PDB file of N, CA and C in Angstrom:
ATOM      1  N   MET A   1     -21.522   2.932  -2.195  1.00  0.00           N
ATOM      2  CA  MET A   1     -21.291   3.588  -0.989  1.00  0.00           C
ATOM      3  C   MET A   1     -19.684   4.030  -1.124  1.00  0.00           C
ATOM      4  N   THR A   2     -19.063   4.961  -1.416  1.00  0.00           N
ATOM      5  CA  THR A   2     -17.932   5.367  -1.275  1.00  0.00           C
ATOM      6  C   THR A   2     -17.710   6.789  -0.688  1.00  0.00           C
ATOM      7  N   LYS A   3     -16.569   6.575  -0.047  1.00  0.00           N
ATOM      8  CA  LYS A   3     -16.271   7.856   0.717  1.00  0.00           C
ATOM      9  C   LYS A   3     -15.414   8.857  -0.454  1.00  0.00           C
ATOM     10  N   SER A   4     -15.256  10.060  -0.405  1.00  0.00           N
ATOM     11  CA  SER A   4     -14.639  11.171  -0.791  1.00  0.00           C
ATOM     12  C   SER A   4     -13.194  10.637  -1.332  1.00  0.00           C
ATOM     13  N   ASP A   5     -12.413   9.801  -0.487  1.00  0.00           N
ATOM     14  CA  ASP A   5     -11.092   9.398  -0.947  1.00  0.00           C
ATOM     15  C   ASP A   5     -11.100   8.184  -1.828  1.00  0.00           C
ATOM     16  N   GLY A   6     -12.401   7.712  -2.339  1.00  0.00           N
ATOM     17  CA  GLY A   6     -12.414   6.640  -3.249  1.00  0.00           C
ATOM     18  C   GLY A   6     -12.600   5.227  -2.513  1.00  0.00           C
ATOM     19  N   ILE A   7     -12.250   4.964  -1.467  1.00  0.00           N
ATOM     20  CA  ILE A   7     -12.109   3.948  -0.435  1.00  0.00           C
ATOM     21  C   ILE A   7     -13.929   3.885   0.083  1.00  0.00           C
ATOM     22  N   PRO A   8     -14.720   2.610  -0.286  1.00  0.00           N
ATOM     23  CA  PRO A   8     -16.025   2.169   0.198  1.00  0.00           C
ATOM     24  C   PRO A   8     -15.962   2.577   1.384  1.00  0.00           C
ATOM     25  N   ALA A   9     -17.415   3.003   1.876  1.00  0.00           N
ATOM     26  CA  ALA A   9     -17.605   3.309   3.359  1.00  0.00           C
ATOM     27  C   ALA A   9     -17.405   1.852   4.157  1.00  0.00           C
ATOM     28  N   VAL A  10     -17.057   1.945   5.423  1.00  0.00           N
ATOM     29  CA  VAL A  10     -17.065   1.052   6.149  1.00  0.00           C
ATOM     30  C   VAL A  10     -18.140   0.284   6.589  1.00  0.00           C
ATOM     31  N   PRO A  11     -18.622  -1.226   6.412  1.00  0.00           N
ATOM     32  CA  PRO A  11     -19.981  -1.427   6.475  1.00  0.00           C
ATOM     33  C   PRO A  11     -20.649  -1.083   8.171  1.00  0.00           C
ATOM     34  N   THR A  12     -21.747  -1.048   7.962  1.00  0.00           N
ATOM     35  CA  THR A  12     -22.293  -0.335   9.155  1.00  0.00           C
ATOM     36  C   THR A  12     -22.453  -1.500  10.581  1.00  0.00           C
ATOM     37  N   GLY A  13     -22.019  -0.880  11.690  1.00  0.00           N
ATOM     38  CA  GLY A  13     -21.964  -1.740  12.925  1.00  0.00           C
ATOM     39  C   GLY A  13     -20.636  -2.475  13.033  1.00  0.00           C
ATOM     40  N   THR A  14     -19.622  -1.677  12.168  1.00  0.00           N
ATOM     41  CA  THR A  14     -18.205  -2.505  12.414  1.00  0.00           C
ATOM     42  C   THR A  14     -17.540  -2.093  13.566  1.00  0.00           C
ATOM     43  N   LYS A  15     -16.807  -2.427  14.059  1.00  0.00           N
ATOM     44  CA  LYS A  15     -16.250  -2.242  15.286  1.00  0.00           C
ATOM     45  C   LYS A  15     -14.336  -1.714  14.853  1.00  0.00           C
ATOM     46  N   ALA A  16     -14.004  -1.517  15.754  1.00  0.00           N
ATOM     47  CA  ALA A  16     -12.563  -1.043  15.591  1.00  0.00           C
ATOM     48  C   ALA A  16     -11.645  -1.927  14.916  1.00  0.00           C
ATOM     49  N   GLY A  17     -11.719  -2.869  15.395  1.00  0.00           N
ATOM     50  CA  GLY A  17     -10.778  -3.956  14.446  1.00  0.00           C
ATOM     51  C   GLY A  17     -10.928  -4.308  13.249  1.00  0.00           C
ATOM     52  N   GLY A  18     -12.435  -4.131  12.678  1.00  0.00           N
ATOM     53  CA  GLY A  18     -12.937  -4.485  11.489  1.00  0.00           C
ATOM     54  C   GLY A  18     -12.526  -3.309  10.699  1.00  0.00           C
ATOM     55  N   ARG A  19     -12.565  -1.797  11.387  1.00  0.00           N
ATOM     56  CA  ARG A  19     -12.335  -0.695  10.647  1.00  0.00           C
ATOM     57  C   ARG A  19     -11.039  -0.626  10.391  1.00  0.00           C
ATOM     58  N   ARG A  20     -10.152  -1.065  10.712  1.00  0.00           N
ATOM     59  CA  ARG A  20      -8.419  -1.087  10.848  1.00  0.00           C
ATOM     60  C   ARG A  20      -8.400  -2.121   9.669  1.00  0.00           C
ATOM     61  N   LEU A  21      -9.149  -3.339   9.639  1.00  0.00           N
ATOM     62  CA  LEU A  21      -8.767  -4.320   8.448  1.00  0.00           C
ATOM     63  C   LEU A  21      -9.488  -3.677   7.278  1.00  0.00           C
ATOM     64  N   TRP A  22     -10.500  -2.969   7.281  1.00  0.00           N
ATOM     65  CA  TRP A  22     -11.126  -2.420   6.174  1.00  0.00           C
ATOM     66  C   TRP A  22     -10.462  -1.427   5.563  1.00  0.00           C
ATOM     67  N   ARG A  23      -9.648  -0.221   6.247  1.00  0.00           N
ATOM     68  CA  ARG A  23      -8.922   0.528   5.846  1.00  0.00           C
ATOM     69  C   ARG A  23      -7.633   0.083   5.226  1.00  0.00           C
ATOM     70  N   ALA A  24      -6.806  -0.760   5.916  1.00  0.00           N
ATOM     71  CA  ALA A  24      -5.642  -1.171   5.552  1.00  0.00           C
ATOM     72  C   ALA A  24      -5.900  -2.015   4.323  1.00  0.00           C
ATOM     73  N   VAL A  25      -6.619  -2.745   4.033  1.00  0.00           N
ATOM     74  CA  VAL A  25      -6.795  -3.358   2.530  1.00  0.00           C
ATOM     75  C   VAL A  25      -7.396  -2.448   1.728  1.00  0.00           C
ATOM     76  N   LEU A  26      -8.327  -1.690   1.732  1.00  0.00           N
ATOM     77  CA  LEU A  26      -8.645  -0.731   0.589  1.00  0.00           C
ATOM     78  C   LEU A  26      -7.555   0.432   0.307  1.00  0.00           C
ATOM     79  N   SER A  27      -6.985   0.565   1.459  1.00  0.00           N
ATOM     80  CA  SER A  27      -5.897   1.737   1.005  1.00  0.00           C
ATOM     81  C   SER A  27      -4.766   1.381   0.075  1.00  0.00           C
ATOM     82  N   ASP A  28      -4.565  -0.050  -0.122  1.00  0.00           N
ATOM     83  CA  ASP A  28      -3.648  -0.498  -0.847  1.00  0.00           C
ATOM     84  C   ASP A  28      -4.021  -1.283  -1.875  1.00  0.00           C
ATOM     85  N   TYR A  29      -5.361  -1.646  -2.037  1.00  0.00           N
ATOM     86  CA  TYR A  29      -5.958  -2.354  -3.064  1.00  0.00           C
ATOM     87  C   TYR A  29      -7.237  -2.053  -3.508  1.00  0.00           C
ATOM     88  N   ASP A  30      -7.361  -2.089  -5.107  1.00  0.00           N
ATOM     89  CA  ASP A  30      -8.692  -1.962  -5.474  1.00  0.00           C
ATOM     90  C   ASP A  30      -9.347  -3.145  -5.487  1.00  0.00           C
ATOM     91  N   LEU A  31     -10.543  -3.521  -5.104  1.00  0.00           N
ATOM     92  CA  LEU A  31     -11.192  -4.838  -5.061  1.00  0.00           C
ATOM     93  C   LEU A  31     -12.296  -4.766  -5.996  1.00  0.00           C
ATOM     94  N   ASP A  32     -12.513  -5.876  -6.741  1.00  0.00           N
ATOM     95  CA  ASP A  32     -13.998  -6.028  -7.279  1.00  0.00           C
ATOM     96  C   ASP A  32     -15.107  -6.487  -6.644  1.00  0.00           C
ATOM     97  N   GLU A  33     -16.068  -6.561  -6.784  1.00  0.00           N
ATOM     98  CA  GLU A  33     -17.503  -6.449  -6.005  1.00  0.00           C
ATOM     99  C   GLU A  33     -17.263  -7.871  -5.223  1.00  0.00           C
ATOM    100  N   HIS A  34     -16.991  -8.919  -5.882  1.00  0.00           N
ATOM    101  CA  HIS A  34     -16.864 -10.453  -5.175  1.00  0.00           C
ATOM    102  C   HIS A  34     -15.898 -10.165  -4.074  1.00  0.00           C
ATOM    103  N   GLU A  35     -14.516  -9.431  -4.084  1.00  0.00           N
ATOM    104  CA  GLU A  35     -13.798  -9.600  -3.349  1.00  0.00           C
ATOM    105  C   GLU A  35     -14.073  -8.594  -1.872  1.00  0.00           C
ATOM    106  N   LEU A  36     -14.847  -7.331  -2.374  1.00  0.00           N
ATOM    107  CA  LEU A  36     -15.308  -6.788  -1.235  1.00  0.00           C
ATOM    108  C   LEU A  36     -16.198  -7.581  -0.232  1.00  0.00           C
ATOM    109  N   ALA A  37     -17.357  -8.397  -0.883  1.00  0.00           N
ATOM    110  CA  ALA A  37     -17.800  -9.294  -0.196  1.00  0.00           C
ATOM    111  C   ALA A  37     -17.161  -9.989   0.517  1.00  0.00           C
ATOM    112  N   LEU A  38     -15.914 -10.812  -0.028  1.00  0.00           N
ATOM    113  CA  LEU A  38     -15.208 -11.383   0.950  1.00  0.00           C
ATOM    114  C   LEU A  38     -14.489 -10.533   2.300  1.00  0.00           C
ATOM    115  N   LEU A  39     -14.043  -9.318   1.870  1.00  0.00           N
ATOM    116  CA  LEU A  39     -13.744  -8.518   3.113  1.00  0.00           C
ATOM    117  C   LEU A  39     -14.627  -7.961   4.012  1.00  0.00           C
ATOM    118  N   ARG A  40     -15.794  -7.850   3.423  1.00  0.00           N
ATOM    119  CA  ARG A  40     -17.116  -7.625   4.516  1.00  0.00           C
ATOM    120  C   ARG A  40     -17.125  -8.703   5.543  1.00  0.00           C
ATOM    121  N   GLU A  41     -16.922 -10.123   4.794  1.00  0.00           N
ATOM    122  CA  GLU A  41     -17.208 -11.067   5.765  1.00  0.00           C
ATOM    123  C   GLU A  41     -15.781 -11.319   6.743  1.00  0.00           C
ATOM    124  N   ALA A  42     -14.425 -10.956   6.337  1.00  0.00           N
ATOM    125  CA  ALA A  42     -13.422 -10.924   7.079  1.00  0.00           C
ATOM    126  C   ALA A  42     -13.412 -10.000   8.238  1.00  0.00           C
ATOM    127  N   VAL A  43     -14.094  -8.778   7.934  1.00  0.00           N
ATOM    128  CA  VAL A  43     -14.176  -7.548   8.754  1.00  0.00           C
ATOM    129  C   VAL A  43     -15.027  -8.008  10.316  1.00  0.00           C
ATOM    130  N   ARG A  44     -16.327  -8.753   9.920  1.00  0.00           N
ATOM    131  CA  ARG A  44     -17.105  -9.473  10.481  1.00  0.00           C
ATOM    132  C   ARG A  44     -16.242 -10.366  11.448  1.00  0.00           C
ATOM    133  N   THR A  45     -15.669 -11.022  10.767  1.00  0.00           N
ATOM    134  CA  THR A  45     -15.009 -12.070  11.558  1.00  0.00           C
ATOM    135  C   THR A  45     -14.149 -11.629  12.544  1.00  0.00           C
ATOM    136  N   VAL A  46     -13.545 -10.378  12.055  1.00  0.00           N
ATOM    137  CA  VAL A  46     -12.317  -9.935  13.011  1.00  0.00           C
ATOM    138  C   VAL A  46     -13.162  -9.552  14.208  1.00  0.00           C
ATOM    139  N   ASP A  47     -14.077  -8.827  13.931  1.00  0.00           N
ATOM    140  CA  ASP A  47     -14.818  -8.111  14.851  1.00  0.00           C
ATOM    141  C   ASP A  47     -15.609  -9.019  15.930  1.00  0.00           C
ATOM    142  N   LEU A  48     -16.247 -10.274  15.469  1.00  0.00           N
ATOM    143  CA  LEU A  48     -16.473 -11.449  16.180  1.00  0.00           C
ATOM    144  C   LEU A  48     -15.255 -12.135  17.056  1.00  0.00           C
ATOM    145  N   CYS A  49     -14.203 -12.372  16.402  1.00  0.00           N
ATOM    146  CA  CYS A  49     -12.834 -12.553  17.056  1.00  0.00           C
ATOM    147  C   CYS A  49     -12.658 -11.619  18.239  1.00  0.00           C
ATOM    148  N   ASP A  50     -12.725 -10.560  18.211  1.00  0.00           N
ATOM    149  CA  ASP A  50     -12.466  -9.564  19.236  1.00  0.00           C
ATOM    150  C   ASP A  50     -13.356  -9.612  20.487  1.00  0.00           C
ATOM    151  N   ASP A  51     -14.729  -9.797  19.997  1.00  0.00           N
ATOM    152  CA  ASP A  51     -15.869  -9.898  20.991  1.00  0.00           C
ATOM    153  C   ASP A  51     -15.500 -11.443  21.943  1.00  0.00           C
ATOM    154  N   LEU A  52     -15.219 -12.575  21.136  1.00  0.00           N
ATOM    155  CA  LEU A  52     -14.772 -13.378  22.052  1.00  0.00           C
ATOM    156  C   LEU A  52     -13.556 -13.675  22.846  1.00  0.00           C
ATOM    157  N   ASP A  53     -12.903 -12.790  22.342  1.00  0.00           N
ATOM    158  CA  ASP A  53     -11.408 -12.665  23.075  1.00  0.00           C
ATOM    159  C   ASP A  53     -11.839 -11.834  24.269  1.00  0.00           C
ATOM    160  N   THR A  54     -12.888 -10.940  24.287  1.00  0.00           N
ATOM    161  CA  THR A  54     -13.239 -10.110  25.518  1.00  0.00           C
ATOM    162  C   THR A  54     -13.699 -10.840  26.477  1.00  0.00           C
ATOM    163  N   LEU A  55     -14.647 -11.631  25.889  1.00  0.00           N
ATOM    164  CA  LEU A  55     -15.440 -12.632  27.035  1.00  0.00           C
ATOM    165  C   LEU A  55     -14.301 -13.585  27.450  1.00  0.00           C
ATOM    166  N   VAL A  56     -13.720 -14.259  26.692  1.00  0.00           N
ATOM    167  CA  VAL A  56     -12.482 -15.335  27.483  1.00  0.00           C
ATOM    168  C   VAL A  56     -11.576 -14.544  28.388  1.00  0.00           C
ATOM    169  N   LYS A  57     -11.457 -13.279  28.163  1.00  0.00           N
ATOM    170  CA  LYS A  57     -10.397 -12.785  29.240  1.00  0.00           C
ATOM    171  C   LYS A  57     -11.317 -12.232  30.227  1.00  0.00           C
ATOM    172  N   ARG A  58     -12.263 -11.888  30.110  1.00  0.00           N
ATOM    173  CA  ARG A  58     -13.171 -11.772  31.270  1.00  0.00           C
ATOM    174  C   ARG A  58     -13.702 -12.880  32.320  1.00  0.00           C
ATOM    175  N   GLU A  59     -13.843 -13.965  31.575  1.00  0.00           N
ATOM    176  CA  GLU A  59     -14.451 -15.029  32.160  1.00  0.00           C
ATOM    177  C   GLU A  59     -13.468 -16.216  32.160  1.00  0.00           C
ATOM    178  N   GLY A  60     -12.374 -16.211  31.733  1.00  0.00           N
ATOM    179  CA  GLY A  60     -11.114 -17.141  31.842  1.00  0.00           C
ATOM    180  C   GLY A  60     -11.169 -18.330  30.692  1.00  0.00           C
ATOM    181  N   VAL A  61     -10.103 -18.862  30.459  1.00  0.00           N
ATOM    182  CA  VAL A  61      -9.732 -19.755  29.576  1.00  0.00           C
ATOM    183  C   VAL A  61     -10.721 -20.886  29.615  1.00  0.00           C
ATOM    184  N   VAL A  62     -10.953 -21.590  31.140  1.00  0.00           N
ATOM    185  CA  VAL A  62     -11.347 -22.770  31.186  1.00  0.00           C
ATOM    186  C   VAL A  62     -12.759 -22.498  32.407  1.00  0.00           C
ATOM    187  N   ILE A  63     -13.660 -23.333  31.824  1.00  0.00           N
ATOM    188  CA  ILE A  63     -14.838 -23.141  32.796  1.00  0.00           C
ATOM    189  C   ILE A  63     -15.157 -24.219  33.420  1.00  0.00           C
ATOM    190  N   ASP A  64     -15.974 -23.805  34.633  1.00  0.00           N
ATOM    191  CA  ASP A  64     -16.846 -25.054  35.426  1.00  0.00           C
ATOM    192  C   ASP A  64     -17.808 -25.572  34.671  1.00  0.00           C
ATOM    193  N   SER A  65     -18.351 -27.040  34.365  1.00  0.00           N
ATOM    194  CA  SER A  65     -19.127 -27.459  33.736  1.00  0.00           C
ATOM    195  C   SER A  65     -19.716 -28.618  34.627  1.00  0.00           C
ATOM    196  N   PRO A  66     -20.850 -29.222  34.465  1.00  0.00           N
ATOM    197  CA  PRO A  66     -21.046 -30.237  35.344  1.00  0.00           C
ATOM    198  C   PRO A  66     -20.460 -31.493  35.056  1.00  0.00           C
ATOM    199  N   GLN A  67     -19.899 -31.486  33.865  1.00  0.00           N
ATOM    200  CA  GLN A  67     -18.683 -32.547  33.357  1.00  0.00           C
ATOM    201  C   GLN A  67     -17.365 -32.403  34.106  1.00  0.00           C
ATOM    202  N   GLY A  68     -17.393 -31.297  34.722  1.00  0.00           N
ATOM    203  CA  GLY A  68     -15.766 -30.843  35.350  1.00  0.00           C
ATOM    204  C   GLY A  68     -15.622 -29.820  34.585  1.00  0.00           C
ATOM    205  N   ARG A  69     -14.117 -29.172  34.766  1.00  0.00           N
ATOM    206  CA  ARG A  69     -13.458 -28.147  33.703  1.00  0.00           C
ATOM    207  C   ARG A  69     -13.395 -28.582  32.458  1.00  0.00           C
ATOM    208  N   LYS A  70     -13.747 -27.531  31.862  1.00  0.00           N
ATOM    209  CA  LYS A  70     -13.496 -27.228  30.249  1.00  0.00           C
ATOM    210  C   LYS A  70     -13.105 -26.128  29.627  1.00  0.00           C
ATOM    211  N   ALA A  71     -12.828 -26.136  28.301  1.00  0.00           N
ATOM    212  CA  ALA A  71     -12.293 -24.998  27.647  1.00  0.00           C
ATOM    213  C   ALA A  71     -13.626 -24.014  27.540  1.00  0.00           C
ATOM    214  N   HIS A  72     -13.263 -22.806  27.844  1.00  0.00           N
ATOM    215  CA  HIS A  72     -14.662 -21.934  27.688  1.00  0.00           C
ATOM    216  C   HIS A  72     -15.049 -21.990  25.953  1.00  0.00           C
ATOM    217  N   PRO A  73     -16.617 -22.033  25.889  1.00  0.00           N
ATOM    218  CA  PRO A  73     -16.803 -22.330  24.197  1.00  0.00           C
ATOM    219  C   PRO A  73     -16.528 -21.060  23.567  1.00  0.00           C
ATOM    220  N   ALA A  74     -16.578 -19.737  24.283  1.00  0.00           N
ATOM    221  CA  ALA A  74     -15.904 -18.734  23.590  1.00  0.00           C
ATOM    222  C   ALA A  74     -14.698 -19.018  23.137  1.00  0.00           C
ATOM    223  N   ALA A  75     -13.595 -19.597  23.800  1.00  0.00           N
ATOM    224  CA  ALA A  75     -12.464 -19.956  23.252  1.00  0.00           C
ATOM    225  C   ALA A  75     -12.226 -20.629  22.164  1.00  0.00           C
ATOM    226  N   VAL A  76     -13.185 -21.853  22.343  1.00  0.00           N
ATOM    227  CA  VAL A  76     -13.266 -22.774  21.199  1.00  0.00           C
ATOM    228  C   VAL A  76     -13.694 -22.322  19.795  1.00  0.00           C
ATOM    229  N   GLU A  77     -14.632 -21.394  20.068  1.00  0.00           N
ATOM    230  CA  GLU A  77     -15.074 -20.585  18.763  1.00  0.00           C
ATOM    231  C   GLU A  77     -14.303 -19.786  18.174  1.00  0.00           C
ATOM    232  N   ALA A  78     -13.614 -19.005  19.065  1.00  0.00           N
ATOM    233  CA  ALA A  78     -12.536 -17.998  18.702  1.00  0.00           C
ATOM    234  C   ALA A  78     -11.715 -18.671  17.728  1.00  0.00           C
ATOM    235  N   ARG A  79     -11.056 -20.131  18.030  1.00  0.00           N
ATOM    236  CA  ARG A  79     -10.123 -20.651  17.523  1.00  0.00           C
ATOM    237  C   ARG A  79     -10.791 -21.014  15.985  1.00  0.00           C
ATOM    238  N   GLN A  80     -12.198 -21.456  15.802  1.00  0.00           N
ATOM    239  CA  GLN A  80     -12.758 -21.786  14.781  1.00  0.00           C
ATOM    240  C   GLN A  80     -12.934 -20.418  13.732  1.00  0.00           C
ATOM    241  N   GLN A  81     -13.114 -19.245  14.283  1.00  0.00           N
ATOM    242  CA  GLN A  81     -13.239 -18.284  13.854  1.00  0.00           C
ATOM    243  C   GLN A  81     -12.025 -17.434  13.147  1.00  0.00           C
ATOM    244  N   ARG A  82     -10.859 -17.874  13.719  1.00  0.00           N
ATOM    245  CA  ARG A  82      -9.693 -17.462  13.360  1.00  0.00           C
ATOM    246  C   ARG A  82      -9.057 -18.194  12.065  1.00  0.00           C
ATOM    247  N   ILE A  83      -9.620 -19.511  12.194  1.00  0.00           N
ATOM    248  CA  ILE A  83      -9.403 -20.310  10.900  1.00  0.00           C
ATOM    249  C   ILE A  83     -10.412 -19.739   9.763  1.00  0.00           C
ATOM    250  N   ALA A  84     -11.340 -19.673  10.080  1.00  0.00           N
ATOM    251  CA  ALA A  84     -12.241 -18.788   8.908  1.00  0.00           C
ATOM    252  C   ALA A  84     -11.736 -17.573   8.396  1.00  0.00           C
ATOM    253  N   LEU A  85     -10.839 -16.842   9.204  1.00  0.00           N
ATOM    254  CA  LEU A  85     -10.400 -15.624   9.001  1.00  0.00           C
ATOM    255  C   LEU A  85      -9.105 -15.866   8.044  1.00  0.00           C
ATOM    256  N   ALA A  86      -8.454 -16.713   8.436  1.00  0.00           N
ATOM    257  CA  ALA A  86      -7.369 -17.015   7.541  1.00  0.00           C
ATOM    258  C   ALA A  86      -7.834 -17.545   6.071  1.00  0.00           C
ATOM    259  N   ARG A  87      -8.724 -18.202   6.035  1.00  0.00           N
ATOM    260  CA  ARG A  87      -9.320 -18.564   4.918  1.00  0.00           C
ATOM    261  C   ARG A  87      -9.986 -17.688   4.073  1.00  0.00           C
ATOM    262  N   LEU A  88     -10.448 -16.674   4.663  1.00  0.00           N
ATOM    263  CA  LEU A  88     -10.969 -15.275   3.862  1.00  0.00           C
ATOM    264  C   LEU A  88      -9.959 -14.504   3.166  1.00  0.00           C
ATOM    265  N   LEU A  89      -8.783 -14.204   4.027  1.00  0.00           N
ATOM    266  CA  LEU A  89      -7.682 -13.436   3.544  1.00  0.00           C
ATOM    267  C   LEU A  89      -6.965 -14.034   2.712  1.00  0.00           C
ATOM    268  N   ALA A  90      -7.034 -15.631   2.832  1.00  0.00           N
ATOM    269  CA  ALA A  90      -6.189 -16.440   1.738  1.00  0.00           C
ATOM    270  C   ALA A  90      -7.060 -16.296   0.380  1.00  0.00           C
ATOM    271  N   ALA A  91      -8.786 -16.079   0.440  1.00  0.00           N
ATOM    272  CA  ALA A  91      -9.117 -15.988  -0.657  1.00  0.00           C
ATOM    273  C   ALA A  91      -8.908 -14.713  -1.246  1.00  0.00           C
ATOM    274  N   LEU A  92      -8.762 -13.881  -0.699  1.00  0.00           N
ATOM    275  CA  LEU A  92      -8.460 -12.346  -0.947  1.00  0.00           C
ATOM    276  C   LEU A  92      -7.160 -12.272  -1.664  1.00  0.00           C
ATOM    277  N   ARG A  93      -6.114 -12.883  -1.325  1.00  0.00           N
ATOM    278  CA  ARG A  93      -4.898 -12.925  -1.877  1.00  0.00           C
ATOM    279  C   ARG A  93      -4.408 -11.778  -1.375  1.00  0.00           C
ATOM    280  N   VAL A  94      -4.270 -11.258  -0.172  1.00  0.00           N
ATOM    281  CA  VAL A  94      -3.728 -10.255   0.579  1.00  0.00           C
ATOM    282  C   VAL A  94      -2.416 -10.603   0.898  1.00  0.00           C
ATOM    283  N   PRO A  95      -1.342  -9.959   0.396  1.00  0.00           N
ATOM    284  CA  PRO A  95       0.230 -10.732   1.007  1.00  0.00           C
ATOM    285  C   PRO A  95       0.319 -10.208   2.360  1.00  0.00           C
ATOM    286  N   LEU A  96       1.101 -10.974   3.342  1.00  0.00           N
ATOM    287  CA  LEU A  96       1.558 -10.830   4.405  1.00  0.00           C
ATOM    288  C   LEU A  96       2.590  -9.694   4.459  1.00  0.00           C
ATOM    289  N   GLY A  97       2.807  -8.948   5.369  1.00  0.00           N
ATOM    290  CA  GLY A  97       3.467  -7.444   5.687  1.00  0.00           C
ATOM    291  C   GLY A  97       5.306  -7.896   5.113  1.00  0.00           C
ATOM    292  N   ASP A  98       5.669  -9.083   5.092  1.00  0.00           N
ATOM    293  CA  ASP A  98       6.811  -9.218   4.582  1.00  0.00           C
ATOM    294  C   ASP A  98       7.056  -9.902   3.393  1.00  0.00           C
ATOM    295  N   GLN A  99       5.802  -9.910   2.563  1.00  0.00           N
ATOM    296  CA  GLN A  99       6.020 -10.461   1.110  1.00  0.00           C
ATOM    297  C   GLN A  99       6.094  -9.132   0.202  1.00  0.00           C
ATOM    298  N   ALA A 100       5.966  -9.290  -1.171  1.00  0.00           N
ATOM    299  CA  ALA A 100       6.263  -8.616  -1.971  1.00  0.00           C
ATOM    300  C   ALA A 100       4.815  -7.618  -1.937  1.00  0.00           C
ATOM    301  N   ASP A 101       5.031  -6.423  -2.492  1.00  0.00           N
ATOM    302  CA  ASP A 101       3.454  -5.520  -2.624  1.00  0.00           C
ATOM    303  C   ASP A 101       2.760  -5.975  -3.514  1.00  0.00           C
ATOM    304  N   THR A 102       2.732  -6.673  -4.402  1.00  0.00           N
ATOM    305  CA  THR A 102       1.931  -7.386  -5.488  1.00  0.00           C
ATOM    306  C   THR A 102       1.062  -8.681  -5.077  1.00  0.00           C
ATOM    307  N   ARG A 103      -0.296  -8.538  -5.436  1.00  0.00           N
ATOM    308  CA  ARG A 103      -0.738  -9.721  -5.270  1.00  0.00           C
ATOM    309  C   ARG A 103      -0.684 -10.999  -5.941  1.00  0.00           C
ATOM    310  N   PRO A 104      -0.473 -12.254  -5.443  1.00  0.00           N
ATOM    311  CA  PRO A 104       0.129 -13.306  -6.089  1.00  0.00           C
ATOM    312  C   PRO A 104      -0.867 -13.396  -6.863  1.00  0.00           C
ATOM    313  N   GLN A 105      -0.804 -14.435  -7.580  1.00  0.00           N
ATOM    314  CA  GLN A 105      -1.727 -14.873  -9.373  1.00  0.00           C
ATOM    315  C   GLN A 105      -2.528 -15.824  -8.605  1.00  0.00           C
ATOM    316  N   ARG A 106      -3.650 -15.588  -8.946  1.00  0.00           N
ATOM    317  CA  ARG A 106      -4.907 -16.444  -8.536  1.00  0.00           C
ATOM    318  C   ARG A 106      -4.557 -17.697  -8.871  1.00  0.00           C
ATOM    319  N   ARG A 107      -4.872 -18.801  -7.902  1.00  0.00           N
ATOM    320  CA  ARG A 107      -4.961 -20.041  -7.988  1.00  0.00           C
ATOM    321  C   ARG A 107      -5.664 -20.744  -9.307  1.00  0.00           C
ATOM    322  N   THR A 108      -5.359 -21.626  -9.976  1.00  0.00           N
ATOM    323  CA  THR A 108      -5.952 -22.480 -10.979  1.00  0.00           C
ATOM    324  C   THR A 108      -6.728 -23.608 -10.381  1.00  0.00           C
ATOM    325  N   GLY A 109      -7.852 -24.307 -11.000  1.00  0.00           N
ATOM    326  CA  GLY A 109      -8.183 -25.506 -10.343  1.00  0.00           C
ATOM    327  C   GLY A 109      -9.047 -25.450  -9.141  1.00  0.00           C
ATOM    328  N   VAL A 110      -9.524 -26.289  -8.880  1.00  0.00           N
ATOM    329  CA  VAL A 110     -10.529 -26.548  -7.401  1.00  0.00           C
ATOM    330  C   VAL A 110      -9.873 -27.161  -6.748  1.00  0.00           C
ATOM    331  N   ARG A 111      -9.847 -26.702  -5.281  1.00  0.00           N
ATOM    332  CA  ARG A 111      -9.220 -27.645  -4.233  1.00  0.00           C
ATOM    333  C   ARG A 111     -10.264 -28.494  -3.855  1.00  0.00           C
ATOM    334  N   ARG A 112      -9.763 -30.224  -3.277  1.00  0.00           N
ATOM    335  CA  ARG A 112     -10.710 -30.610  -3.071  1.00  0.00           C
ATOM    336  C   ARG A 112     -11.009 -30.634  -1.551  1.00  0.00           C
ATOM    337  N   PRO A 113     -11.918 -31.064  -1.276  1.00  0.00           N
ATOM    338  CA  PRO A 113     -12.540 -30.858   0.570  1.00  0.00           C
ATOM    339  C   PRO A 113     -11.690 -31.806   1.181  1.00  0.00           C
ATOM    340  N   TYR A 114     -11.357 -31.427   2.321  1.00  0.00           N
ATOM    341  CA  TYR A 114     -10.560 -32.479   3.335  1.00  0.00           C
ATOM    342  C   TYR A 114     -11.611 -33.808   3.452  1.00  0.00           C
ATOM    343  N   ALA A 115     -10.773 -35.124   3.566  1.00  0.00           N
ATOM    344  CA  ALA A 115     -11.515 -36.129   3.513  1.00  0.00           C
ATOM    345  C   ALA A 115     -10.698 -36.521   4.904  1.00  0.00           C
ATOM    346  N   VAL A 116     -11.731 -37.458   5.713  1.00  0.00           N
ATOM    347  CA  VAL A 116     -11.101 -38.427   6.839  1.00  0.00           C
ATOM    348  C   VAL A 116      -9.929 -39.170   6.161  1.00  0.00           C
ATOM    349  N   GLY A 117      -8.916 -39.443   6.895  1.00  0.00           N
ATOM    350  CA  GLY A 117      -8.049 -40.634   6.483  1.00  0.00           C
ATOM    351  C   GLY A 117      -6.916 -40.065   5.200  1.00  0.00           C
ATOM    352  N   SER A 118      -7.333 -38.857   4.919  1.00  0.00           N
ATOM    353  CA  SER A 118      -6.585 -38.230   3.549  1.00  0.00           C
ATOM    354  C   SER A 118      -5.298 -37.582   4.001  1.00  0.00           C
TER     355      SER A 118
END
């Protein structure tokens, strides 16, 4: 599905933050299908982060639990989702605003998973 301007249509159910990311990336870059899949996940992650941030703003960063005060579970999940978002964007090789307009070269080789004590 593409719109008349050549940019693929925003995935159904995407909220404002996700739509901004979708349009920003696709207005500057032509993505292959596997990269569009990564972008779709990044868009979903942005929307989830926005929802979690709204929840934390409403209920507070710290909550009371039977074990005492602790970080709001939505704040903890938001942190994890931001890490996932950073990894998705890194996999897309989208440069940051102050970097050159060209996409960096693809990495070669496979990164090993992190291990305890390494």
